[in-house]
Amino acid sequence: MTQIQIKGMTCNHCKMRVEKALKQAGCGKIKVDLEAGAATADTRGISEEKLREVIEELGFQCGEISEH
């Protein structure tokens, strides 16, 4: 699983947009935590660059990406 720090999410609509975008990018098993400002997802086969691109296209800032 990969943890992605996301800055700028403020509501459930933001959470749903991130979940949908990550799913469309090919991620599996996605959990977005608004309070932590992070998403955890199965990102096998998806590059860090692609993850950053997906998050930033939504208008959020993508922070640290780490494997757990």
N, C-alpha and C. Protein backbone atom coordinates (compact mmCIF):
# COMPACT_ATOMS: atom_id res chain seq x y z
N MET A 1 0.84 -1.19 0.00
CA MET A 1 0.00 0.00 0.00
C MET A 1 0.88 1.25 0.00
N THR A 2 0.38 2.27 -0.63
CA THR A 2 1.10 3.53 -0.75
C THR A 2 0.32 4.62 -0.04
N GLN A 3 1.03 5.45 0.72
CA GLN A 3 0.40 6.59 1.37
C GLN A 3 0.79 7.84 0.60
N ILE A 4 -0.20 8.66 0.28
CA ILE A 4 -0.01 9.88 -0.50
C ILE A 4 -0.51 11.05 0.32
N GLN A 5 0.38 11.97 0.66
CA GLN A 5 -0.02 13.18 1.38
C GLN A 5 -0.66 14.13 0.39
N ILE A 6 -1.84 14.65 0.75
CA ILE A 6 -2.59 15.54 -0.15
C ILE A 6 -3.00 16.78 0.63
N LYS A 7 -2.57 17.94 0.15
CA LYS A 7 -2.91 19.20 0.81
C LYS A 7 -4.01 19.89 0.02
N GLY A 8 -4.99 20.44 0.76
CA GLY A 8 -6.03 21.22 0.14
C GLY A 8 -7.41 20.59 0.17
N MET A 9 -7.51 19.35 0.64
CA MET A 9 -8.83 18.71 0.73
C MET A 9 -9.55 19.29 1.95
N THR A 10 -10.82 19.70 1.76
CA THR A 10 -11.54 20.33 2.86
C THR A 10 -12.89 19.69 3.18
N CYS A 11 -13.39 18.83 2.28
CA CYS A 11 -14.75 18.31 2.49
C CYS A 11 -14.90 16.92 1.86
N ASN A 12 -16.07 16.34 2.06
CA ASN A 12 -16.34 15.02 1.49
C ASN A 12 -16.34 15.03 -0.03
N HIS A 13 -16.71 16.15 -0.62
CA HIS A 13 -16.67 16.26 -2.08
C HIS A 13 -15.22 16.12 -2.56
N CYS A 14 -14.28 16.77 -1.87
CA CYS A 14 -12.85 16.64 -2.20
C CYS A 14 -12.43 15.18 -2.09
N LYS A 15 -12.83 14.55 -1.01
CA LYS A 15 -12.50 13.15 -0.76
C LYS A 15 -13.00 12.26 -1.90
N MET A 16 -14.25 12.47 -2.32
CA MET A 16 -14.82 11.66 -3.38
C MET A 16 -14.12 11.91 -4.72
N ARG A 17 -13.74 13.15 -4.98
CA ARG A 17 -13.02 13.46 -6.23
C ARG A 17 -11.67 12.74 -6.27
N VAL A 18 -10.96 12.73 -5.15
CA VAL A 18 -9.66 12.06 -5.08
C VAL A 18 -9.85 10.56 -5.26
N GLU A 19 -10.80 9.97 -4.57
CA GLU A 19 -11.06 8.53 -4.70
C GLU A 19 -11.37 8.16 -6.14
N LYS A 20 -12.23 8.92 -6.78
CA LYS A 20 -12.62 8.65 -8.17
C LYS A 20 -11.43 8.77 -9.11
N ALA A 21 -10.63 9.81 -8.95
CA ALA A 21 -9.48 10.03 -9.83
C ALA A 21 -8.44 8.92 -9.66
N LEU A 22 -8.18 8.51 -8.42
CA LEU A 22 -7.20 7.45 -8.19
C LEU A 22 -7.70 6.13 -8.76
N LYS A 23 -9.00 5.87 -8.63
CA LYS A 23 -9.58 4.65 -9.18
C LYS A 23 -9.44 4.65 -10.70
N GLN A 24 -9.74 5.78 -11.34
CA GLN A 24 -9.63 5.87 -12.79
C GLN A 24 -8.18 5.73 -13.25
N ALA A 25 -7.23 6.09 -12.40
CA ALA A 25 -5.82 5.96 -12.74
C ALA A 25 -5.33 4.51 -12.60
N GLY A 26 -6.18 3.66 -12.00
CA GLY A 26 -5.83 2.25 -11.87
C GLY A 26 -5.52 1.78 -10.47
N CYS A 27 -5.70 2.65 -9.49
CA CYS A 27 -5.45 2.26 -8.10
C CYS A 27 -6.57 1.35 -7.61
N GLY A 28 -6.21 0.46 -6.71
CA GLY A 28 -7.19 -0.40 -6.08
C GLY A 28 -7.23 -0.11 -4.59
N LYS A 29 -8.27 -0.51 -3.92
CA LYS A 29 -8.41 -0.38 -2.46
C LYS A 29 -7.95 1.00 -1.98
N ILE A 30 -8.77 1.99 -2.17
CA ILE A 30 -8.43 3.37 -1.86
C ILE A 30 -9.14 3.82 -0.60
N LYS A 31 -8.41 4.50 0.30
CA LYS A 31 -9.00 5.10 1.49
C LYS A 31 -8.43 6.51 1.62
N VAL A 32 -9.32 7.50 1.63
CA VAL A 32 -8.90 8.88 1.78
C VAL A 32 -9.30 9.36 3.17
N ASP A 33 -8.35 9.94 3.89
CA ASP A 33 -8.58 10.44 5.25
C ASP A 33 -8.45 11.96 5.22
N LEU A 34 -9.59 12.66 5.32
CA LEU A 34 -9.58 14.12 5.28
C LEU A 34 -8.77 14.73 6.41
N GLU A 35 -8.96 14.23 7.63
CA GLU A 35 -8.27 14.79 8.80
C GLU A 35 -6.76 14.67 8.67
N ALA A 36 -6.29 13.54 8.16
CA ALA A 36 -4.85 13.32 8.00
C ALA A 36 -4.32 13.98 6.73
N GLY A 37 -5.21 14.35 5.82
CA GLY A 37 -4.78 14.93 4.55
C GLY A 37 -3.98 13.94 3.74
N ALA A 38 -4.50 12.70 3.67
CA ALA A 38 -3.76 11.65 3.00
C ALA A 38 -4.69 10.61 2.39
N ALA A 39 -4.15 9.89 1.43
CA ALA A 39 -4.85 8.76 0.83
C ALA A 39 -3.94 7.55 0.94
N THR A 40 -4.54 6.40 1.15
CA THR A 40 -3.81 5.14 1.13
C THR A 40 -4.43 4.32 0.02
N ALA A 41 -3.57 3.78 -0.86
CA ALA A 41 -4.11 3.03 -2.01
C ALA A 41 -3.14 1.96 -2.46
N ASP A 42 -3.70 0.96 -3.12
CA ASP A 42 -2.90 -0.07 -3.77
C ASP A 42 -2.53 0.53 -5.13
N THR A 43 -1.26 0.86 -5.30
CA THR A 43 -0.81 1.57 -6.51
C THR A 43 0.13 0.75 -7.37
N ARG A 44 0.07 -0.56 -7.26
CA ARG A 44 0.97 -1.41 -8.04
C ARG A 44 0.91 -1.05 -9.52
N GLY A 45 2.08 -0.81 -10.10
CA GLY A 45 2.17 -0.52 -11.52
C GLY A 45 1.93 0.93 -11.89
N ILE A 46 1.67 1.79 -10.91
CA ILE A 46 1.44 3.20 -11.19
C ILE A 46 2.64 4.00 -10.66
N SER A 47 3.24 4.80 -11.52
CA SER A 47 4.43 5.55 -11.13
C SER A 47 4.09 6.68 -10.17
N GLU A 48 5.08 7.09 -9.40
CA GLU A 48 4.92 8.22 -8.49
C GLU A 48 4.55 9.48 -9.28
N GLU A 49 5.16 9.63 -10.44
CA GLU A 49 4.89 10.80 -11.28
C GLU A 49 3.41 10.84 -11.69
N LYS A 50 2.85 9.69 -12.05
CA LYS A 50 1.44 9.61 -12.44
C LYS A 50 0.54 9.95 -11.27
N LEU A 51 0.86 9.45 -10.08
CA LEU A 51 0.07 9.76 -8.89
C LEU A 51 0.07 11.26 -8.63
N ARG A 52 1.24 11.88 -8.71
CA ARG A 52 1.34 13.33 -8.51
C ARG A 52 0.50 14.08 -9.54
N GLU A 53 0.58 13.65 -10.78
CA GLU A 53 -0.17 14.28 -11.85
C GLU A 53 -1.68 14.21 -11.59
N VAL A 54 -2.16 13.05 -11.19
CA VAL A 54 -3.59 12.85 -10.92
C VAL A 54 -4.06 13.79 -9.81
N ILE A 55 -3.31 13.86 -8.73
CA ILE A 55 -3.68 14.70 -7.58
C ILE A 55 -3.63 16.18 -7.96
N GLU A 56 -2.58 16.59 -8.64
CA GLU A 56 -2.42 18.00 -8.97
C GLU A 56 -3.41 18.47 -10.04
N GLU A 57 -3.85 17.56 -10.92
CA GLU A 57 -4.87 17.92 -11.90
C GLU A 57 -6.21 18.26 -11.22
N LEU A 58 -6.42 17.73 -10.03
CA LEU A 58 -7.63 18.03 -9.27
C LEU A 58 -7.54 19.37 -8.55
N GLY A 59 -6.35 19.96 -8.53
CA GLY A 59 -6.16 21.25 -7.87
C GLY A 59 -5.61 21.14 -6.46
N PHE A 60 -5.17 19.94 -6.07
CA PHE A 60 -4.59 19.74 -4.74
C PHE A 60 -3.08 19.67 -4.85
N GLN A 61 -2.39 19.85 -3.72
CA GLN A 61 -0.95 19.70 -3.67
C GLN A 61 -0.62 18.29 -3.22
N CYS A 62 0.26 17.65 -3.98
CA CYS A 62 0.68 16.30 -3.63
C CYS A 62 1.98 16.40 -2.85
N GLY A 63 1.97 15.87 -1.64
CA GLY A 63 3.15 15.88 -0.80
C GLY A 63 3.93 14.58 -0.93
N GLU A 64 4.41 14.10 0.19
CA GLU A 64 5.22 12.88 0.22
C GLU A 64 4.40 11.66 -0.20
N ILE A 65 5.06 10.79 -0.96
CA ILE A 65 4.47 9.52 -1.35
C ILE A 65 5.37 8.43 -0.79
N SER A 66 4.81 7.53 0.03
CA SER A 66 5.65 6.50 0.65
C SER A 66 4.94 5.16 0.64
N GLU A 67 5.74 4.11 0.59
CA GLU A 67 5.22 2.73 0.62
C GLU A 67 5.08 2.28 2.06
N HIS A 68 4.00 1.56 2.32
CA HIS A 68 3.77 1.01 3.68
C HIS A 68 3.49 -0.46 3.57
